[in-house]
Each structure stands twice: as structure tokens, then as C-alpha cells.
PDB file of N, CA and C in Angstrom:
ATOM      1  N   GLU A   1    -128.558-163.252 160.852  1.00  0.00           N
ATOM      2  CA  GLU A   1    -129.037-163.185 162.219  1.00  0.00           C
ATOM      3  C   GLU A   1    -129.628-164.533 162.611  1.00  0.00           C
ATOM      4  N   LEU A   2    -129.363-164.942 163.842  1.00  0.00           N
ATOM      5  CA  LEU A   2    -129.949-166.156 164.401  1.00  0.00           C
ATOM      6  C   LEU A   2    -130.885-165.719 165.518  1.00  0.00           C
ATOM      7  N   ASP A   3    -132.163-166.024 165.394  1.00  0.00           N
ATOM      8  CA  ASP A   3    -133.112-165.607 166.422  1.00  0.00           C
ATOM      9  C   ASP A   3    -133.724-166.825 167.101  1.00  0.00           C
ATOM     10  N   ARG A   4    -134.834-166.630 167.810  1.00  0.00           N
ATOM     11  CA  ARG A   4    -135.427-167.696 168.613  1.00  0.00           C
ATOM     12  C   ARG A   4    -135.761-168.944 167.812  1.00  0.00           C
ATOM     13  N   ARG A   5    -136.022-168.815 166.508  1.00  0.00           N
ATOM     14  CA  ARG A   5    -136.301-170.009 165.701  1.00  0.00           C
ATOM     15  C   ARG A   5    -135.089-170.923 165.664  1.00  0.00           C
ATOM     16  N   GLU A   6    -133.893-170.334 165.564  1.00  0.00           N
ATOM     17  CA  GLU A   6    -132.671-171.140 165.502  1.00  0.00           C
ATOM     18  C   GLU A   6    -132.143-171.500 166.889  1.00  0.00           C
ATOM     19  N   THR A   7    -132.283-170.591 167.851  1.00  0.00           N
ATOM     20  CA  THR A   7    -131.699-170.827 169.168  1.00  0.00           C
ATOM     21  C   THR A   7    -132.622-171.594 170.096  1.00  0.00           C
ATOM     22  N   GLY A   8    -133.943-171.512 169.857  1.00  0.00           N
ATOM     23  CA  GLY A   8    -134.887-172.167 170.749  1.00  0.00           C
ATOM     24  C   GLY A   8    -135.031-171.438 172.073  1.00  0.00           C
ATOM     25  N   ARG A   9    -134.409-170.283 172.201  1.00  0.00           N
ATOM     26  CA  ARG A   9    -134.441-169.475 173.413  1.00  0.00           C
ATOM     27  C   ARG A   9    -134.551-168.009 173.016  1.00  0.00           C
ATOM     28  N   PRO A  10    -134.834-167.137 173.978  1.00  0.00           N
ATOM     29  CA  PRO A  10    -134.975-165.716 173.616  1.00  0.00           C
ATOM     30  C   PRO A  10    -133.644-164.998 173.445  1.00  0.00           C
ATOM     31  N   TYR A  11    -132.763-165.532 172.601  1.00  0.00           N
ATOM     32  CA  TYR A  11    -131.482-164.891 172.325  1.00  0.00           C
ATOM     33  C   TYR A  11    -131.398-164.566 170.854  1.00  0.00           C
ATOM     34  N   VAL A  12    -130.741-163.465 170.548  1.00  0.00           N
ATOM     35  CA  VAL A  12    -130.528-163.075 169.164  1.00  0.00           C
ATOM     36  C   VAL A  12    -129.023-162.938 168.957  1.00  0.00           C
ATOM     37  N   PHE A  13    -128.509-163.597 167.928  1.00  0.00           N
ATOM     38  CA  PHE A  13    -127.106-163.479 167.539  1.00  0.00           C
ATOM     39  C   PHE A  13    -127.079-162.796 166.183  1.00  0.00           C
ATOM     40  N   SER A  14    -126.141-161.889 166.002  1.00  0.00           N
ATOM     41  CA  SER A  14    -126.030-161.170 164.742  1.00  0.00           C
ATOM     42  C   SER A  14    -124.570-161.126 164.307  1.00  0.00           C
ATOM     43  N   ARG A  15    -124.357-161.005 163.017  1.00  0.00           N
ATOM     44  CA  ARG A  15    -122.986-160.866 162.504  1.00  0.00           C
ATOM     45  C   ARG A  15    -122.491-159.457 162.813  1.00  0.00           C
ATOM     46  N   PRO A  16    -121.320-159.336 163.425  1.00  0.00           N
ATOM     47  CA  PRO A  16    -120.796-157.991 163.708  1.00  0.00           C
ATOM     48  C   PRO A  16    -120.221-157.298 162.480  1.00  0.00           C
ATOM     49  N   GLY A  17    -120.305-157.930 161.329  1.00  0.00           N
ATOM     50  CA  GLY A  17    -119.802-157.347 160.090  1.00  0.00           C
ATOM     51  C   GLY A  17    -119.292-158.434 159.169  1.00  0.00           C
ATOM     52  N   GLY A  18    -118.824-158.030 158.021  1.00  0.00           N
ATOM     53  CA  GLY A  18    -118.243-158.969 157.070  1.00  0.00           C
ATOM     54  C   GLY A  18    -119.275-159.720 156.261  1.00  0.00           C
ATOM     55  N   SER A  19    -118.787-160.548 155.382  1.00  0.00           N
ATOM     56  CA  SER A  19    -119.637-161.342 154.502  1.00  0.00           C
ATOM     57  C   SER A  19    -119.806-162.740 155.068  1.00  0.00           C
ATOM     58  N   PRO A  20    -120.984-163.342 154.893  1.00  0.00           N
ATOM     59  CA  PRO A  20    -121.161-164.730 155.330  1.00  0.00           C
ATOM     60  C   PRO A  20    -120.090-165.630 154.714  1.00  0.00           C
ATOM     61  N   GLY A  21    -119.485-166.453 155.540  1.00  0.00           N
ATOM     62  CA  GLY A  21    -118.449-167.361 155.069  1.00  0.00           C
ATOM     63  C   GLY A  21    -117.079-166.737 154.935  1.00  0.00           C
ATOM     64  N   ALA A  22    -116.932-165.474 155.318  1.00  0.00           N
ATOM     65  CA  ALA A  22    -115.631-164.797 155.197  1.00  0.00           C
ATOM     66  C   ALA A  22    -115.447-163.773 156.309  1.00  0.00           C
ATOM     67  N   ALA A  23    -115.775-164.166 157.552  1.00  0.00           N
ATOM     68  CA  ALA A  23    -115.682-163.218 158.667  1.00  0.00           C
ATOM     69  C   ALA A  23    -115.254-163.946 159.932  1.00  0.00           C
ATOM     70  N   ALA A  24    -114.005-163.756 160.333  1.00  0.00           N
ATOM     71  CA  ALA A  24    -113.494-164.325 161.574  1.00  0.00           C
ATOM     72  C   ALA A  24    -113.704-163.321 162.707  1.00  0.00           C
ATOM     73  N   CYS A  25    -114.143-163.806 163.863  1.00  0.00           N
ATOM     74  CA  CYS A  25    -114.426-162.924 165.001  1.00  0.00           C
ATOM     75  C   CYS A  25    -113.167-162.217 165.493  1.00  0.00           C
ATOM     76  N   ARG A  26    -113.350-160.979 165.904  1.00  0.00           N
ATOM     77  CA  ARG A  26    -112.295-160.177 166.526  1.00  0.00           C
ATOM     78  C   ARG A  26    -112.919-159.368 167.657  1.00  0.00           C
ATOM     79  N   GLY A  27    -112.073-158.840 168.513  1.00  0.00           N
ATOM     80  CA  GLY A  27    -112.535-158.055 169.655  1.00  0.00           C
ATOM     81  C   GLY A  27    -113.033-156.688 169.245  1.00  0.00           C
ATOM     82  N   ARG A  28    -112.228-155.663 169.498  1.00  0.00           N
ATOM     83  CA  ARG A  28    -112.665-154.297 169.239  1.00  0.00           C
ATOM     84  C   ARG A  28    -112.337-153.785 167.831  1.00  0.00           C
ATOM     85  N   ASN A  29    -111.397-154.480 167.145  1.00  0.00           N
ATOM     86  CA  ASN A  29    -111.063-154.109 165.767  1.00  0.00           C
ATOM     87  C   ASN A  29    -110.575-155.356 165.030  1.00  0.00           C
ATOM     88  N   ALA A  30    -110.297-155.225 163.758  1.00  0.00           N
ATOM     89  CA  ALA A  30    -109.975-156.378 162.912  1.00  0.00           C
ATOM     90  C   ALA A  30    -108.681-157.098 163.284  1.00  0.00           C
ATOM     91  N   THR A  31    -107.819-156.487 164.096  1.00  0.00           N
ATOM     92  CA  THR A  31    -106.572-157.150 164.494  1.00  0.00           C
ATOM     93  C   THR A  31    -106.597-157.621 165.948  1.00  0.00           C
ATOM     94  N   ASP A  32    -107.684-157.387 166.649  1.00  0.00           N
ATOM     95  CA  ASP A  32    -107.810-157.729 168.073  1.00  0.00           C
ATOM     96  C   ASP A  32    -108.288-159.184 168.215  1.00  0.00           C
ATOM     97  N   ASP A  33    -107.311-160.098 168.364  1.00  0.00           N
ATOM     98  CA  ASP A  33    -107.609-161.533 168.370  1.00  0.00           C
ATOM     99  C   ASP A  33    -106.881-162.230 169.524  1.00  0.00           C
ATOM    100  N   LEU A  34    -107.023-161.703 170.728  1.00  0.00           N
ATOM    101  CA  LEU A  34    -106.347-162.309 171.872  1.00  0.00           C
ATOM    102  C   LEU A  34    -106.922-163.685 172.191  1.00  0.00           C
ATOM    103  N   ARG A  35    -106.071-164.641 172.420  1.00  0.00           N
ATOM    104  CA  ARG A  35    -106.491-166.017 172.743  1.00  0.00           C
ATOM    105  C   ARG A  35    -107.337-166.044 174.013  1.00  0.00           C
ATOM    106  N   ALA A  36    -107.166-165.106 174.902  1.00  0.00           N
ATOM    107  CA  ALA A  36    -107.922-165.047 176.161  1.00  0.00           C
ATOM    108  C   ALA A  36    -109.410-164.761 175.930  1.00  0.00           C
ATOM    109  N   TYR A  37    -109.779-164.295 174.753  1.00  0.00           N
ATOM    110  CA  TYR A  37    -111.171-163.958 174.462  1.00  0.00           C
ATOM    111  C   TYR A  37    -112.050-165.183 174.212  1.00  0.00           C
ATOM    112  N   TYR A  38    -111.454-166.293 173.819  1.00  0.00           N
ATOM    113  CA  TYR A  38    -112.249-167.436 173.376  1.00  0.00           C
ATOM    114  C   TYR A  38    -111.636-168.765 173.780  1.00  0.00           C
ATOM    115  N   ARG A  39    -112.477-169.793 173.682  1.00  0.00           N
ATOM    116  CA  ARG A  39    -112.058-171.178 173.897  1.00  0.00           C
ATOM    117  C   ARG A  39    -112.415-171.948 172.630  1.00  0.00           C
ATOM    118  N   ARG A  40    -111.445-172.650 172.068  1.00  0.00           N
ATOM    119  CA  ARG A  40    -111.656-173.384 170.817  1.00  0.00           C
ATOM    120  C   ARG A  40    -112.132-174.809 171.127  1.00  0.00           C
ATOM    121  N   VAL A  41    -113.158-175.230 170.406  1.00  0.00           N
ATOM    122  CA  VAL A  41    -113.699-176.588 170.519  1.00  0.00           C
ATOM    123  C   VAL A  41    -113.558-177.240 169.144  1.00  0.00           C
ATOM    124  N   ARG A  42    -112.983-178.408 169.101  1.00  0.00           N
ATOM    125  CA  ARG A  42    -112.760-179.107 167.829  1.00  0.00           C
ATOM    126  C   ARG A  42    -113.821-180.185 167.614  1.00  0.00           C
ATOM    127  N   ARG A  43    -113.903-180.654 166.384  1.00  0.00           N
ATOM    128  CA  ARG A  43    -114.841-181.701 165.981  1.00  0.00           C
ATOM    129  C   ARG A  43    -116.294-181.304 166.246  1.00  0.00           C
ATOM    130  N   VAL A  44    -116.639-180.107 165.828  1.00  0.00           N
ATOM    131  CA  VAL A  44    -118.021-179.626 165.884  1.00  0.00           C
ATOM    132  C   VAL A  44    -118.546-179.699 164.450  1.00  0.00           C
ATOM    133  N   PRO A  45    -119.522-180.578 164.170  1.00  0.00           N
ATOM    134  CA  PRO A  45    -119.879-180.898 162.789  1.00  0.00           C
ATOM    135  C   PRO A  45    -120.621-179.829 161.992  1.00  0.00           C
ATOM    136  N   HIS A  46    -121.284-178.877 162.654  1.00  0.00           N
ATOM    137  CA  HIS A  46    -122.007-177.854 161.895  1.00  0.00           C
ATOM    138  C   HIS A  46    -122.280-176.624 162.746  1.00  0.00           C
ATOM    139  N   LEU A  47    -122.679-175.564 162.082  1.00  0.00           N
ATOM    140  CA  LEU A  47    -122.907-174.280 162.737  1.00  0.00           C
ATOM    141  C   LEU A  47    -123.915-174.392 163.884  1.00  0.00           C
ATOM    142  N   ARG A  48    -124.988-175.144 163.690  1.00  0.00           N
ATOM    143  CA  ARG A  48    -126.013-175.290 164.736  1.00  0.00           C
ATOM    144  C   ARG A  48    -125.429-175.940 165.993  1.00  0.00           C
ATOM    145  N   ALA A  49    -124.491-176.856 165.815  1.00  0.00           N
ATOM    146  CA  ALA A  49    -123.841-177.496 166.968  1.00  0.00           C
ATOM    147  C   ALA A  49    -122.963-176.485 167.706  1.00  0.00           C
ATOM    148  N   CYS A  50    -122.330-175.594 166.976  1.00  0.00           N
ATOM    149  CA  CYS A  50    -121.521-174.537 167.592  1.00  0.00           C
ATOM    150  C   CYS A  50    -122.425-173.583 168.369  1.00  0.00           C
ATOM    151  N   LEU A  51    -123.544-173.208 167.772  1.00  0.00           N
ATOM    152  CA  LEU A  51    -124.524-172.364 168.451  1.00  0.00           C
ATOM    153  C   LEU A  51    -124.991-173.035 169.741  1.00  0.00           C
ATOM    154  N   ALA A  52    -125.295-174.328 169.679  1.00  0.00           N
ATOM    155  CA  ALA A  52    -125.746-175.058 170.869  1.00  0.00           C
ATOM    156  C   ALA A  52    -124.689-175.038 171.961  1.00  0.00           C
ATOM    157  N   ARG A  53    -123.414-175.197 171.578  1.00  0.00           N
ATOM    158  CA  ARG A  53    -122.328-175.154 172.578  1.00  0.00           C
ATOM    159  C   ARG A  53    -122.286-173.791 173.250  1.00  0.00           C
ATOM    160  N   CYS A  54    -122.463-172.737 172.461  1.00  0.00           N
ATOM    161  CA  CYS A  54    -122.459-171.385 173.017  1.00  0.00           C
ATOM    162  C   CYS A  54    -123.614-171.214 174.009  1.00  0.00           C
ATOM    163  N   LEU A  55    -124.788-171.676 173.639  1.00  0.00           N
ATOM    164  CA  LEU A  55    -125.952-171.529 174.509  1.00  0.00           C
ATOM    165  C   LEU A  55    -125.812-172.322 175.808  1.00  0.00           C
ATOM    166  N   GLU A  56    -124.990-173.374 175.792  1.00  0.00           N
ATOM    167  CA  GLU A  56    -124.757-174.174 176.995  1.00  0.00           C
ATOM    168  C   GLU A  56    -123.874-173.452 178.009  1.00  0.00           C
ATOM    169  N   GLU A  57    -123.099-172.483 177.547  1.00  0.00           N
ATOM    170  CA  GLU A  57    -122.157-171.781 178.424  1.00  0.00           C
ATOM    171  C   GLU A  57    -122.688-170.402 178.791  1.00  0.00           C
ATOM    172  N   SER A  58    -122.850-170.152 180.064  1.00  0.00           N
ATOM    173  CA  SER A  58    -123.452-168.889 180.501  1.00  0.00           C
ATOM    174  C   SER A  58    -122.599-167.672 180.156  1.00  0.00           C
ATOM    175  N   ARG A  59    -121.300-167.836 179.980  1.00  0.00           N
ATOM    176  CA  ARG A  59    -120.442-166.690 179.675  1.00  0.00           C
ATOM    177  C   ARG A  59    -120.193-166.508 178.182  1.00  0.00           C
ATOM    178  N   CYS A  60    -120.829-167.316 177.344  1.00  0.00           N
ATOM    179  CA  CYS A  60    -120.622-167.189 175.904  1.00  0.00           C
ATOM    180  C   CYS A  60    -121.340-165.949 175.385  1.00  0.00           C
ATOM    181  N   ALA A  61    -120.569-165.047 174.772  1.00  0.00           N
ATOM    182  CA  ALA A  61    -121.105-163.793 174.246  1.00  0.00           C
ATOM    183  C   ALA A  61    -121.025-163.740 172.726  1.00  0.00           C
ATOM    184  N   GLY A  62    -120.617-164.852 172.110  1.00  0.00           N
ATOM    185  CA  GLY A  62    -120.529-164.931 170.667  1.00  0.00           C
ATOM    186  C   GLY A  62    -119.774-166.182 170.279  1.00  0.00           C
ATOM    187  N   PHE A  63    -119.789-166.487 168.979  1.00  0.00           N
ATOM    188  CA  PHE A  63    -119.053-167.664 168.528  1.00  0.00           C
ATOM    189  C   PHE A  63    -118.620-167.503 167.083  1.00  0.00           C
ATOM    190  N   GLU A  64    -117.563-168.255 166.761  1.00  0.00           N
ATOM    191  CA  GLU A  64    -117.042-168.305 165.403  1.00  0.00           C
ATOM    192  C   GLU A  64    -117.055-169.761 164.980  1.00  0.00           C
ATOM    193  N   TYR A  65    -117.448-170.009 163.735  1.00  0.00           N
ATOM    194  CA  TYR A  65    -117.468-171.380 163.239  1.00  0.00           C
ATOM    195  C   TYR A  65    -116.728-171.477 161.916  1.00  0.00           C
ATOM    196  N   ALA A  66    -115.872-172.501 161.808  1.00  0.00           N
ATOM    197  CA  ALA A  66    -115.119-172.779 160.584  1.00  0.00           C
ATOM    198  C   ALA A  66    -115.476-174.189 160.117  1.00  0.00           C
ATOM    199  N   PRO A  67    -116.422-174.319 159.177  1.00  0.00           N
ATOM    200  CA  PRO A  67    -116.897-175.644 158.783  1.00  0.00           C
ATOM    201  C   PRO A  67    -115.821-176.560 158.201  1.00  0.00           C
ATOM    202  N   ALA A  68    -114.895-176.037 157.441  1.00  0.00           N
ATOM    203  CA  ALA A  68    -113.859-176.884 156.832  1.00  0.00           C
ATOM    204  C   ALA A  68    -112.975-177.547 157.885  1.00  0.00           C
ATOM    205  N   HIS A  69    -112.826-176.894 159.030  1.00  0.00           N
ATOM    206  CA  HIS A  69    -111.992-177.424 160.119  1.00  0.00           C
ATOM    207  C   HIS A  69    -112.833-178.036 161.229  1.00  0.00           C
ATOM    208  N   GLU A  70    -114.153-177.887 161.139  1.00  0.00           N
ATOM    209  CA  GLU A  70    -115.078-178.309 162.199  1.00  0.00           C
ATOM    210  C   GLU A  70    -114.640-177.754 163.553  1.00  0.00           C
ATOM    211  N   GLU A  71    -114.296-176.450 163.545  1.00  0.00           N
ATOM    212  CA  GLU A  71    -113.863-175.773 164.772  1.00  0.00           C
ATOM    213  C   GLU A  71    -114.854-174.687 165.160  1.00  0.00           C
ATOM    214  N   CYS A  72    -115.055-174.585 166.451  1.00  0.00           N
ATOM    215  CA  CYS A  72    -115.976-173.621 167.026  1.00  0.00           C
ATOM    216  C   CYS A  72    -115.219-172.859 168.108  1.00  0.00           C
ATOM    217  N   GLU A  73    -115.210-171.540 168.004  1.00  0.00           N
ATOM    218  CA  GLU A  73    -114.616-170.710 169.056  1.00  0.00           C
ATOM    219  C   GLU A  73    -115.751-170.096 169.848  1.00  0.00           C
ATOM    220  N   LEU A  74    -115.738-170.313 171.158  1.00  0.00           N
ATOM    221  CA  LEU A  74    -116.739-169.762 172.057  1.00  0.00           C
ATOM    222  C   LEU A  74    -116.145-168.533 172.718  1.00  0.00           C
ATOM    223  N   TRP A  75    -116.701-167.381 172.413  1.00  0.00           N
ATOM    224  CA  TRP A  75    -116.151-166.112 172.853  1.00  0.00           C
ATOM    225  C   TRP A  75    -116.781-165.639 174.159  1.00  0.00           C
ATOM    226  N   GLY A  76    -115.955-165.310 175.154  1.00  0.00           N
ATOM    227  CA  GLY A  76    -116.414-164.727 176.414  1.00  0.00           C
ATOM    228  C   GLY A  76    -116.553-163.220 176.302  1.00  0.00           C
ATOM    229  N   LEU A  77    -115.879-162.642 175.342  1.00  0.00           N
ATOM    230  CA  LEU A  77    -115.987-161.213 175.016  1.00  0.00           C
ATOM    231  C   LEU A  77    -116.855-161.116 173.769  1.00  0.00           C
ATOM    232  N   ARG A  78    -117.824-160.224 173.774  1.00  0.00           N
ATOM    233  CA  ARG A  78    -118.671-160.103 172.584  1.00  0.00           C
ATOM    234  C   ARG A  78    -117.837-159.585 171.418  1.00  0.00           C
ATOM    235  N   PRO A  79    -117.765-160.352 170.313  1.00  0.00           N
ATOM    236  CA  PRO A  79    -117.045-159.871 169.135  1.00  0.00           C
ATOM    237  C   PRO A  79    -117.706-158.601 168.599  1.00  0.00           C
ATOM    238  N   ARG A  80    -116.893-157.576 168.396  1.00  0.00           N
ATOM    239  CA  ARG A  80    -117.418-156.308 167.885  1.00  0.00           C
ATOM    240  C   ARG A  80    -116.895-156.001 166.485  1.00  0.00           C
ATOM    241  N   ALA A  81    -115.959-156.818 166.029  1.00  0.00           N
ATOM    242  CA  ALA A  81    -115.359-156.604 164.712  1.00  0.00           C
ATOM    243  C   ALA A  81    -115.061-157.973 164.094  1.00  0.00           C
ATOM    244  N   VAL A  82    -114.719-157.968 162.828  1.00  0.00           N
ATOM    245  CA  VAL A  82    -114.331-159.192 162.134  1.00  0.00           C
ATOM    246  C   VAL A  82    -113.102-158.910 161.271  1.00  0.00           C
ATOM    247  N   ALA A  83    -112.404-159.984 160.938  1.00  0.00           N
ATOM    248  CA  ALA A  83    -111.337-159.932 159.943  1.00  0.00           C
ATOM    249  C   ALA A  83    -111.845-160.711 158.741  1.00  0.00           C
ATOM    250  N   GLU A  84    -111.585-160.222 157.540  1.00  0.00           N
ATOM    251  CA  GLU A  84    -112.022-160.922 156.335  1.00  0.00           C
ATOM    252  C   GLU A  84    -111.135-162.141 156.118  1.00  0.00           C
ATOM    253  N   VAL A  85    -111.666-163.302 156.501  1.00  0.00           N
ATOM    254  CA  VAL A  85    -110.951-164.566 156.358  1.00  0.00           C
ATOM    255  C   VAL A  85    -111.943-165.580 155.795  1.00  0.00           C
ATOM    256  N   GLU A  86    -111.644-166.125 154.613  1.00  0.00           N
ATOM    257  CA  GLU A  86    -112.530-167.105 153.988  1.00  0.00           C
ATOM    258  C   GLU A  86    -112.680-168.338 154.879  1.00  0.00           C
ATOM    259  N   GLY A  87    -113.905-168.858 154.923  1.00  0.00           N
ATOM    260  CA  GLY A  87    -114.159-170.102 155.632  1.00  0.00           C
ATOM    261  C   GLY A  87    -114.568-169.943 157.083  1.00  0.00           C
ATOM    262  N   PHE A  88    -114.851-168.717 157.512  1.00  0.00           N
ATOM    263  CA  PHE A  88    -115.234-168.473 158.906  1.00  0.00           C
ATOM    264  C   PHE A  88    -116.524-167.667 158.965  1.00  0.00           C
ATOM    265  N   ASP A  89    -117.343-167.936 159.980  1.00  0.00           N
ATOM    266  CA  ASP A  89    -118.547-167.160 160.261  1.00  0.00           C
ATOM    267  C   ASP A  89    -118.513-166.739 161.712  1.00  0.00           C
ATOM    268  N   CYS A  90    -118.887-165.505 161.978  1.00  0.00           N
ATOM    269  CA  CYS A  90    -118.862-164.937 163.322  1.00  0.00           C
ATOM    270  C   CYS A  90    -120.256-164.445 163.703  1.00  0.00           C
ATOM    271  N   PHE A  91    -120.667-164.750 164.930  1.00  0.00           N
ATOM    272  CA  PHE A  91    -121.947-164.292 165.456  1.00  0.00           C
ATOM    273  C   PHE A  91    -121.743-163.741 166.860  1.00  0.00           C
ATOM    274  N   ALA A  92    -122.312-162.588 167.134  1.00  0.00           N
ATOM    275  CA  ALA A  92    -122.226-161.942 168.448  1.00  0.00           C
ATOM    276  C   ALA A  92    -123.599-161.948 169.103  1.00  0.00           C
ATOM    277  N   LEU A  93    -123.624-162.210 170.396  1.00  0.00           N
ATOM    278  CA  LEU A  93    -124.868-162.188 171.154  1.00  0.00           C
ATOM    279  C   LEU A  93    -125.334-160.757 171.325  1.00  0.00           C
ATOM    280  N   LEU A  94    -126.566-160.503 170.906  1.00  0.00           N
ATOM    281  CA  LEU A  94    -127.151-159.185 171.110  1.00  0.00           C
ATOM    282  C   LEU A  94    -128.047-159.195 172.335  1.00  0.00           C
ATOM    283  N   GLY A  95    -128.413-160.359 172.824  1.00  0.00           N
ATOM    284  CA  GLY A  95    -129.280-160.477 173.989  1.00  0.00           C
ATOM    285  C   GLY A  95    -130.682-160.863 173.579  1.00  0.00           C
ATOM    286  N   PRO A  96    -131.569-160.910 174.557  1.00  0.00           N
ATOM    287  CA  PRO A  96    -132.955-161.242 174.225  1.00  0.00           C
ATOM    288  C   PRO A  96    -133.604-160.096 173.473  1.00  0.00           C
ATOM    289  N   PRO A  97    -134.607-160.387 172.655  1.00  0.00           N
ATOM    290  CA  PRO A  97    -135.317-159.320 171.953  1.00  0.00           C
ATOM    291  C   PRO A  97    -135.918-158.319 172.933  1.00  0.00           C
ATOM    292  N   GLU A  98    -136.168-157.136 172.453  1.00  0.00           N
ATOM    293  CA  GLU A  98    -136.738-156.063 173.264  1.00  0.00           C
ATOM    294  C   GLU A  98    -137.978-156.549 174.014  1.00  0.00           C
ATOM    295  N   GLY A  99    -138.036-156.254 175.304  1.00  0.00           N
ATOM    296  CA  GLY A  99    -139.194-156.588 176.117  1.00  0.00           C
ATOM    297  C   GLY A  99    -139.176-157.989 176.706  1.00  0.00           C
ATOM    298  N   GLU A 100    -138.125-158.787 176.420  1.00  0.00           N
ATOM    299  CA  GLU A 100    -138.042-160.131 176.981  1.00  0.00           C
ATOM    300  C   GLU A 100    -136.900-160.198 177.971  1.00  0.00           C
ATOM    301  N   SER A 101    -137.073-161.037 178.984  1.00  0.00           N
ATOM    302  CA  SER A 101    -136.035-161.168 180.001  1.00  0.00           C
ATOM    303  C   SER A 101    -134.962-162.148 179.538  1.00  0.00           C
ATOM    304  N   ASP A 102    -133.841-162.101 180.199  1.00  0.00           N
ATOM    305  CA  ASP A 102    -132.710-162.976 179.929  1.00  0.00           C
ATOM    306  C   ASP A 102    -132.691-164.011 181.044  1.00  0.00           C
ATOM    307  N   PRO A 103    -133.264-165.212 180.823  1.00  0.00           N
ATOM    308  CA  PRO A 103    -133.404-166.176 181.912  1.00  0.00           C
ATOM    309  C   PRO A 103    -132.085-166.646 182.508  1.00  0.00           C
ATOM    310  N   ASP A 104    -131.017-166.659 181.733  1.00  0.00           N
ATOM    311  CA  ASP A 104    -129.720-167.113 182.241  1.00  0.00           C
ATOM    312  C   ASP A 104    -128.851-165.968 182.712  1.00  0.00           C
ATOM    313  N   GLN A 105    -129.322-164.723 182.556  1.00  0.00           N
ATOM    314  CA  GLN A 105    -128.474-163.566 182.831  1.00  0.00           C
ATOM    315  C   GLN A 105    -127.138-163.725 182.122  1.00  0.00           C
ATOM    316  N   ARG A 106    -127.199-164.103 180.853  1.00  0.00           N
ATOM    317  CA  ARG A 106    -126.034-164.399 180.023  1.00  0.00           C
ATOM    318  C   ARG A 106    -125.276-163.118 179.700  1.00  0.00           C
ATOM    319  N   ARG A 107    -124.156-162.934 180.346  1.00  0.00           N
ATOM    320  CA  ARG A 107    -123.350-161.745 180.090  1.00  0.00           C
ATOM    321  C   ARG A 107    -121.880-162.084 180.244  1.00  0.00           C
ATOM    322  N   GLY A 108    -121.155-162.047 179.156  1.00  0.00           N
ATOM    323  CA  GLY A 108    -119.718-162.237 179.220  1.00  0.00           C
ATOM    324  C   GLY A 108    -119.037-160.881 179.300  1.00  0.00           C
ATOM    325  N   PRO A 109    -117.740-160.847 179.554  1.00  0.00           N
ATOM    326  CA  PRO A 109    -117.025-159.575 179.576  1.00  0.00           C
ATOM    327  C   PRO A 109    -117.201-158.856 178.251  1.00  0.00           C
ATOM    328  N   GLY A 110    -117.576-157.616 178.301  1.00  0.00           N
ATOM    329  CA  GLY A 110    -117.772-156.856 177.089  1.00  0.00           C
ATOM    330  C   GLY A 110    -119.078-157.162 176.398  1.00  0.00           C
ATOM    331  N   GLY A 111    -119.906-158.013 177.005  1.00  0.00           N
ATOM    332  CA  GLY A 111    -121.165-158.415 176.409  1.00  0.00           C
ATOM    333  C   GLY A 111    -122.256-157.389 176.637  1.00  0.00           C
ATOM    334  N   PRO A 112    -123.486-157.804 176.402  1.00  0.00           N
ATOM    335  CA  PRO A 112    -124.605-156.865 176.525  1.00  0.00           C
ATOM    336  C   PRO A 112    -124.699-156.270 177.915  1.00  0.00           C
ATOM    337  N   PRO A 113    -125.208-155.051 178.042  1.00  0.00           N
ATOM    338  CA  PRO A 113    -125.330-154.442 179.365  1.00  0.00           C
ATOM    339  C   PRO A 113    -126.377-155.123 180.212  1.00  0.00           C
TER     340      PRO A 113
END
């Protein structure tokens, strides 16, 4: 889980499943990987940089990071499932912690209510 300590904002990201380092983001199930769900960004040097890119985009509802490829996928649909793929990490936006407001009204399709 990535919380305010990592994000610097009142957002919480959590893994929708799988093992750290072996979970590629998917939509509603492990085979749901439509290209329309995400935008790929290359030459992202580390997970924190991928997180920062997601926080910069108001429609980002999750992200996937592949350190060996330095690739970051910014998901407009909140990932609800993962596929077991070595070398990938997936995080889904859960929203601000209970009792806190969402200053950006960050909601992508399929994202938090």
C-alpha cells in the first residue's frame, strides 16, 4: 500500500492482488487488458516517479510499473485484477482515507465512487 507518506497527498493506492514484483494490472479480470484503459510512459526510472506521474493526471485511477523496462502505465480505469507476470507491480487508487476530502476530485472511469 502507498499512503500519504509516499504520495504526499491524501491518496491511498493498494495492490489489487498478486505478489509484489509479479502483478501486471488488468481491468475486471486477469485477461482484461484493453489498450484503451491506460497510457504507457517510457523512461521512468523508478516506482516513485511512476506514482508522481499518476498523481499529476486527474484521471489516473491506478498505475503499473515495470522497473526492468522503465515503463509506467497510467490507468484511467481502476485496475481491479492482476495477471501474474514477473517484473511488474500494479497499484489501484482507493481514494483519500476515510473522513478526508479529495481535493482534485480524482475519478477515472471505473474509479472510486
